[in-house]
Amino acid sequence: MRGASLVRQEQDRGSIFAGQALPHLDAMYAVAVRLTGDQKEAEDLVQDAMLRGFKFFEKFQQGTNLKAWLLKIMTNIFLNKVKKIAARPPMVEFETVEDFIGEAQESARDVPSTSEDFRELLDEDVAKALDELPIEYRTPVLLSAIEGLSYRQIAEAMDCPVGTVMSRLYRGRRMLERSLKPYARSIRFLKKPGDK
């Protein structure tokens, strides 16, 4: 009887977690795609974050922002993977470099956006400029511009002080502005010097 009671409690906990977390799945996936640049890696990242969120759900403070909490978990998983990869010495077989570059270019062109609205908002030049931002600037820009999180929520998600978020957002936005000036002029959003 006691075993059945424990199974029932775990099922109840799973139902509560699913009910609260699943509405944030699309937002998490959109951020994951922008972070990883790869649909499959984004799916894995979201799955890892949801599993970890479920595992530590009892530590979540009910009544606070679950979306920010899940994004924090996901961002930490991603940043830890990036650190591990950066710490590893690169191993490349020379014969496969050309094939790899061709495949990477193809997959980069084929990465779909998760929402129609997001796809309409970002033209290829804007998405490219965003993807070229260093990860420490891209993450807060994505969480602010795409997900609409506040400085405090971004700080929680990135596990850093609010001042750091503000600084990184400022720098990230300036980098985007510099890289998008030619694009803005090409669509006549900005006037060229001498234009009336």
C-alpha atoms as a PDB file:
ATOM      1  CA  MET A   1       0.000   0.000   0.000  1.00  0.00           C
ATOM      2  CA  ARG A   2       2.800   2.409   0.849  1.00  0.00           C
ATOM      3  CA  GLY A   3       4.414   1.883  -2.591  1.00  0.00           C
ATOM      4  CA  ALA A   4       1.118   2.691  -4.323  1.00  0.00           C
ATOM      5  CA  SER A   5       0.850   5.884  -2.269  1.00  0.00           C
ATOM      6  CA  LEU A   6       4.352   6.969  -3.338  1.00  0.00           C
ATOM      7  CA  VAL A   7       3.551   6.246  -6.988  1.00  0.00           C
ATOM      8  CA  ARG A   8       0.363   8.300  -6.679  1.00  0.00           C
ATOM      9  CA  GLN A   9       2.265  11.219  -5.101  1.00  0.00           C
ATOM     10  CA  GLU A  10       4.826  11.148  -7.920  1.00  0.00           C
ATOM     11  CA  GLN A  11       2.021  11.088 -10.514  1.00  0.00           C
ATOM     12  CA  ASP A  12       0.354  14.071  -8.810  1.00  0.00           C
ATOM     13  CA  ARG A  13       3.680  15.949  -8.747  1.00  0.00           C
ATOM     14  CA  GLY A  14       4.152  15.160 -12.446  1.00  0.00           C
ATOM     15  CA  SER A  15       0.668  16.421 -13.305  1.00  0.00           C
ATOM     16  CA  ILE A  16       1.209  19.656 -11.385  1.00  0.00           C
ATOM     17  CA  PHE A  17       4.593  20.218 -13.028  1.00  0.00           C
ATOM     18  CA  ALA A  18       3.227  19.481 -16.511  1.00  0.00           C
ATOM     19  CA  GLY A  19       0.268  21.791 -16.005  1.00  0.00           C
ATOM     20  CA  GLN A  20       2.484  24.674 -14.964  1.00  0.00           C
ATOM     21  CA  ALA A  21       5.544  24.081 -17.183  1.00  0.00           C
ATOM     22  CA  LEU A  22       4.112  22.996 -20.542  1.00  0.00           C
ATOM     23  CA  PRO A  23       2.632  26.420 -21.382  1.00  0.00           C
ATOM     24  CA  HIS A  24       6.234  27.736 -21.446  1.00  0.00           C
ATOM     25  CA  LEU A  25       7.545  25.046 -23.800  1.00  0.00           C
ATOM     26  CA  ASP A  26       7.267  27.142 -26.996  1.00  0.00           C
ATOM     27  CA  ALA A  27       9.037  30.109 -25.410  1.00  0.00           C
ATOM     28  CA  MET A  28      11.815  27.852 -24.122  1.00  0.00           C
ATOM     29  CA  TYR A  29      12.222  26.259 -27.535  1.00  0.00           C
ATOM     30  CA  ALA A  30      12.393  29.649 -29.282  1.00  0.00           C
ATOM     31  CA  VAL A  31      15.183  30.757 -26.934  1.00  0.00           C
ATOM     32  CA  ALA A  32      16.951  27.381 -27.269  1.00  0.00           C
ATOM     33  CA  VAL A  33      16.957  27.592 -31.087  1.00  0.00           C
ATOM     34  CA  ARG A  34      18.485  31.060 -30.941  1.00  0.00           C
ATOM     35  CA  LEU A  35      21.070  29.935 -28.372  1.00  0.00           C
ATOM     36  CA  THR A  36      22.161  26.749 -30.131  1.00  0.00           C
ATOM     37  CA  GLY A  37      21.479  27.639 -33.748  1.00  0.00           C
ATOM     38  CA  ASP A  38      20.340  24.074 -34.312  1.00  0.00           C
ATOM     39  CA  GLN A  39      16.827  22.634 -34.095  1.00  0.00           C
ATOM     40  CA  LYS A  40      17.916  19.197 -32.811  1.00  0.00           C
ATOM     41  CA  GLU A  41      20.257  20.661 -30.178  1.00  0.00           C
ATOM     42  CA  ALA A  42      17.484  23.043 -29.128  1.00  0.00           C
ATOM     43  CA  GLU A  43      15.081  20.129 -28.632  1.00  0.00           C
ATOM     44  CA  ASP A  44      17.683  18.305 -26.523  1.00  0.00           C
ATOM     45  CA  LEU A  45      18.369  21.444 -24.499  1.00  0.00           C
ATOM     46  CA  VAL A  46      14.676  22.011 -23.756  1.00  0.00           C
ATOM     47  CA  GLN A  47      14.239  18.338 -22.835  1.00  0.00           C
ATOM     48  CA  ASP A  48      17.228  18.479 -20.457  1.00  0.00           C
ATOM     49  CA  ALA A  49      15.865  21.662 -18.864  1.00  0.00           C
ATOM     50  CA  MET A  50      12.377  20.197 -18.411  1.00  0.00           C
ATOM     51  CA  LEU A  51      13.789  17.006 -16.878  1.00  0.00           C
ATOM     52  CA  ARG A  52      15.947  18.992 -14.488  1.00  0.00           C
ATOM     53  CA  GLY A  53      13.010  21.294 -13.711  1.00  0.00           C
ATOM     54  CA  PHE A  54      10.856  18.283 -12.837  1.00  0.00           C
ATOM     55  CA  LYS A  55      13.626  16.742 -10.737  1.00  0.00           C
ATOM     56  CA  PHE A  56      14.019  19.915  -8.665  1.00  0.00           C
ATOM     57  CA  PHE A  57      10.401  21.108  -8.841  1.00  0.00           C
ATOM     58  CA  GLU A  58      10.030  20.929  -5.070  1.00  0.00           C
ATOM     59  CA  LYS A  59      12.700  23.677  -4.850  1.00  0.00           C
ATOM     60  CA  PHE A  60      10.637  26.010  -7.055  1.00  0.00           C
ATOM     61  CA  GLN A  61       8.933  28.668  -4.967  1.00  0.00           C
ATOM     62  CA  GLN A  62       5.260  28.539  -5.959  1.00  0.00           C
ATOM     63  CA  GLY A  63       3.849  31.937  -6.866  1.00  0.00           C
ATOM     64  CA  THR A  64       7.082  33.129  -8.475  1.00  0.00           C
ATOM     65  CA  ASN A  65       7.862  33.175 -12.199  1.00  0.00           C
ATOM     66  CA  LEU A  66       8.137  29.557 -13.395  1.00  0.00           C
ATOM     67  CA  LYS A  67       9.080  30.645 -16.929  1.00  0.00           C
ATOM     68  CA  ALA A  68      12.096  32.585 -15.637  1.00  0.00           C
ATOM     69  CA  TRP A  69      13.041  29.643 -13.395  1.00  0.00           C
ATOM     70  CA  LEU A  70      12.918  27.186 -16.312  1.00  0.00           C
ATOM     71  CA  LEU A  71      14.835  29.593 -18.578  1.00  0.00           C
ATOM     72  CA  LYS A  72      17.476  29.896 -15.857  1.00  0.00           C
ATOM     73  CA  ILE A  73      17.839  26.123 -15.734  1.00  0.00           C
ATOM     74  CA  MET A  74      18.040  25.927 -19.521  1.00  0.00           C
ATOM     75  CA  THR A  75      20.528  28.792 -19.799  1.00  0.00           C
ATOM     76  CA  ASN A  76      22.755  27.226 -17.133  1.00  0.00           C
ATOM     77  CA  ILE A  77      22.711  23.861 -18.924  1.00  0.00           C
ATOM     78  CA  PHE A  78      23.624  25.561 -22.206  1.00  0.00           C
ATOM     79  CA  LEU A  79      26.400  27.692 -20.706  1.00  0.00           C
ATOM     80  CA  ASN A  80      27.865  24.664 -18.906  1.00  0.00           C
ATOM     81  CA  LYS A  81      27.948  22.751 -22.203  1.00  0.00           C
ATOM     82  CA  VAL A  82      29.615  25.702 -23.932  1.00  0.00           C
ATOM     83  CA  LYS A  83      32.252  25.869 -21.158  1.00  0.00           C
ATOM     84  CA  LYS A  84      32.935  22.119 -21.425  1.00  0.00           C
ATOM     85  CA  ILE A  85      33.317  22.337 -25.190  1.00  0.00           C
ATOM     86  CA  ALA A  86      35.607  25.372 -24.896  1.00  0.00           C
ATOM     87  CA  ALA A  87      37.769  23.551 -22.342  1.00  0.00           C
ATOM     88  CA  ARG A  88      38.259  20.553 -24.655  1.00  0.00           C
ATOM     89  CA  PRO A  89      41.105  20.696 -27.125  1.00  0.00           C
ATOM     90  CA  PRO A  90      39.730  20.677 -30.670  1.00  0.00           C
ATOM     91  CA  MET A  91      40.034  17.406 -32.585  1.00  0.00           C
ATOM     92  CA  VAL A  92      39.466  17.731 -36.318  1.00  0.00           C
ATOM     93  CA  GLU A  93      40.051  15.239 -39.097  1.00  0.00           C
ATOM     94  CA  PHE A  94      41.319  17.276 -41.997  1.00  0.00           C
ATOM     95  CA  GLU A  95      39.552  15.154 -44.654  1.00  0.00           C
ATOM     96  CA  THR A  96      36.105  15.903 -43.263  1.00  0.00           C
ATOM     97  CA  VAL A  97      36.442  19.679 -42.857  1.00  0.00           C
ATOM     98  CA  GLU A  98      34.965  20.562 -46.267  1.00  0.00           C
ATOM     99  CA  ASP A  99      32.022  18.171 -45.793  1.00  0.00           C
ATOM    100  CA  PHE A 100      31.385  19.577 -42.335  1.00  0.00           C
ATOM    101  CA  ILE A 101      31.408  23.184 -43.551  1.00  0.00           C
ATOM    102  CA  GLY A 102      28.961  22.349 -46.342  1.00  0.00           C
ATOM    103  CA  GLU A 103      26.610  20.538 -43.964  1.00  0.00           C
ATOM    104  CA  ALA A 104      26.813  23.331 -41.382  1.00  0.00           C
ATOM    105  CA  GLN A 105      25.927  25.937 -43.992  1.00  0.00           C
ATOM    106  CA  GLU A 106      22.980  23.837 -45.175  1.00  0.00           C
ATOM    107  CA  SER A 107      21.660  23.207 -41.666  1.00  0.00           C
ATOM    108  CA  ALA A 108      22.064  26.889 -40.725  1.00  0.00           C
ATOM    109  CA  ARG A 109      19.857  27.851 -43.677  1.00  0.00           C
ATOM    110  CA  ASP A 110      17.246  25.246 -42.767  1.00  0.00           C
ATOM    111  CA  VAL A 111      16.758  26.081 -39.062  1.00  0.00           C
ATOM    112  CA  PRO A 112      13.086  26.953 -38.759  1.00  0.00           C
ATOM    113  CA  SER A 113      11.703  29.404 -36.250  1.00  0.00           C
ATOM    114  CA  THR A 114       9.200  28.097 -33.752  1.00  0.00           C
ATOM    115  CA  SER A 115       6.635  30.831 -34.207  1.00  0.00           C
ATOM    116  CA  GLU A 116       5.289  32.516 -37.305  1.00  0.00           C
ATOM    117  CA  ASP A 117       5.393  35.898 -35.576  1.00  0.00           C
ATOM    118  CA  PHE A 118       9.072  35.506 -34.729  1.00  0.00           C
ATOM    119  CA  ARG A 119       9.921  34.502 -38.313  1.00  0.00           C
ATOM    120  CA  GLU A 120       8.096  37.544 -39.688  1.00  0.00           C
ATOM    121  CA  LEU A 121       9.906  39.883 -37.314  1.00  0.00           C
ATOM    122  CA  LEU A 122      13.412  38.687 -38.098  1.00  0.00           C
ATOM    123  CA  ASP A 123      14.715  39.034 -41.568  1.00  0.00           C
ATOM    124  CA  GLU A 124      17.822  37.059 -42.537  1.00  0.00           C
ATOM    125  CA  ASP A 125      20.217  39.965 -41.907  1.00  0.00           C
ATOM    126  CA  VAL A 126      18.775  40.628 -38.453  1.00  0.00           C
ATOM    127  CA  ALA A 127      18.861  36.934 -37.479  1.00  0.00           C
ATOM    128  CA  LYS A 128      22.461  36.686 -38.710  1.00  0.00           C
ATOM    129  CA  ALA A 129      23.505  39.750 -36.693  1.00  0.00           C
ATOM    130  CA  LEU A 130      21.833  38.293 -33.607  1.00  0.00           C
ATOM    131  CA  ASP A 131      23.497  34.900 -34.096  1.00  0.00           C
ATOM    132  CA  GLU A 132      26.916  36.573 -34.439  1.00  0.00           C
ATOM    133  CA  LEU A 133      26.669  38.226 -31.020  1.00  0.00           C
ATOM    134  CA  PRO A 134      28.913  36.583 -28.407  1.00  0.00           C
ATOM    135  CA  ILE A 135      26.825  34.278 -26.214  1.00  0.00           C
ATOM    136  CA  GLU A 136      27.170  36.469 -23.096  1.00  0.00           C
ATOM    137  CA  TYR A 137      25.442  39.299 -24.994  1.00  0.00           C
ATOM    138  CA  ARG A 138      23.094  37.235 -27.182  1.00  0.00           C
ATOM    139  CA  THR A 139      21.436  35.522 -24.211  1.00  0.00           C
ATOM    140  CA  PRO A 140      20.230  38.673 -22.411  1.00  0.00           C
ATOM    141  CA  VAL A 141      19.210  40.309 -25.712  1.00  0.00           C
ATOM    142  CA  LEU A 142      17.095  37.246 -26.588  1.00  0.00           C
ATOM    143  CA  LEU A 143      15.536  37.005 -23.138  1.00  0.00           C
ATOM    144  CA  SER A 144      14.707  40.724 -23.184  1.00  0.00           C
ATOM    145  CA  ALA A 145      13.637  41.313 -26.790  1.00  0.00           C
ATOM    146  CA  ILE A 146      12.040  37.971 -27.649  1.00  0.00           C
ATOM    147  CA  GLU A 147      10.737  36.755 -24.295  1.00  0.00           C
ATOM    148  CA  GLY A 148      10.084  40.165 -22.726  1.00  0.00           C
ATOM    149  CA  LEU A 149      11.730  39.310 -19.412  1.00  0.00           C
ATOM    150  CA  SER A 150      12.628  42.103 -16.989  1.00  0.00           C
ATOM    151  CA  TYR A 151      16.217  42.826 -15.922  1.00  0.00           C
ATOM    152  CA  ARG A 152      15.568  40.993 -12.652  1.00  0.00           C
ATOM    153  CA  GLN A 153      14.130  37.934 -14.423  1.00  0.00           C
ATOM    154  CA  ILE A 154      17.041  37.846 -16.860  1.00  0.00           C
ATOM    155  CA  ALA A 155      19.475  38.127 -13.937  1.00  0.00           C
ATOM    156  CA  GLU A 156      17.756  35.147 -12.299  1.00  0.00           C
ATOM    157  CA  ALA A 157      17.797  33.153 -15.539  1.00  0.00           C
ATOM    158  CA  MET A 158      21.488  33.903 -16.144  1.00  0.00           C
ATOM    159  CA  ASP A 159      22.443  33.676 -12.467  1.00  0.00           C
ATOM    160  CA  CYS A 160      24.217  37.036 -12.452  1.00  0.00           C
ATOM    161  CA  PRO A 161      23.654  40.509 -10.945  1.00  0.00           C
ATOM    162  CA  VAL A 162      21.107  42.896 -12.474  1.00  0.00           C
ATOM    163  CA  GLY A 163      23.915  45.375 -13.199  1.00  0.00           C
ATOM    164  CA  THR A 164      25.686  42.754 -15.312  1.00  0.00           C
ATOM    165  CA  VAL A 165      22.470  42.149 -17.260  1.00  0.00           C
ATOM    166  CA  MET A 166      22.047  45.869 -17.877  1.00  0.00           C
ATOM    167  CA  SER A 167      25.646  46.211 -19.037  1.00  0.00           C
ATOM    168  CA  ARG A 168      25.456  43.173 -21.332  1.00  0.00           C
ATOM    169  CA  LEU A 169      22.144  44.310 -22.786  1.00  0.00           C
ATOM    170  CA  TYR A 170      23.580  47.759 -23.477  1.00  0.00           C
ATOM    171  CA  ARG A 171      26.689  46.334 -25.138  1.00  0.00           C
ATOM    172  CA  GLY A 172      24.742  43.676 -27.040  1.00  0.00           C
ATOM    173  CA  ARG A 173      22.319  46.253 -28.387  1.00  0.00           C
ATOM    174  CA  ARG A 174      25.189  48.538 -29.444  1.00  0.00           C
ATOM    175  CA  MET A 175      26.867  45.619 -31.256  1.00  0.00           C
ATOM    176  CA  LEU A 176      23.596  44.855 -33.045  1.00  0.00           C
ATOM    177  CA  GLU A 177      23.178  48.508 -33.943  1.00  0.00           C
ATOM    178  CA  ARG A 178      26.665  48.673 -35.478  1.00  0.00           C
ATOM    179  CA  SER A 179      26.270  45.460 -37.450  1.00  0.00           C
ATOM    180  CA  LEU A 180      22.777  46.393 -38.683  1.00  0.00           C
ATOM    181  CA  LYS A 181      23.505  49.967 -39.863  1.00  0.00           C
ATOM    182  CA  PRO A 182      24.146  48.880 -43.488  1.00  0.00           C
ATOM    183  CA  TYR A 183      20.951  46.828 -43.413  1.00  0.00           C
ATOM    184  CA  ALA A 184      18.961  49.741 -41.944  1.00  0.00           C
ATOM    185  CA  ARG A 185      20.237  51.990 -44.724  1.00  0.00           C
ATOM    186  CA  SER A 186      19.438  49.394 -47.392  1.00  0.00           C
ATOM    187  CA  ILE A 187      15.790  49.309 -46.328  1.00  0.00           C
ATOM    188  CA  ARG A 188      15.813  53.105 -45.969  1.00  0.00           C
ATOM    189  CA  PHE A 189      15.226  52.919 -42.221  1.00  0.00           C
ATOM    190  CA  LEU A 190      18.326  55.124 -41.813  1.00  0.00           C
ATOM    191  CA  LYS A 191      19.297  57.848 -44.218  1.00  0.00           C
ATOM    192  CA  LYS A 192      22.723  57.759 -45.807  1.00  0.00           C
ATOM    193  CA  PRO A 193      24.913  60.756 -45.002  1.00  0.00           C
ATOM    194  CA  GLY A 194      23.940  63.508 -47.448  1.00  0.00           C
ATOM    195  CA  ASP A 195      20.401  62.134 -48.125  1.00  0.00           C
ATOM    196  CA  LYS A 196      17.455  64.441 -47.559  1.00  0.00           C
END
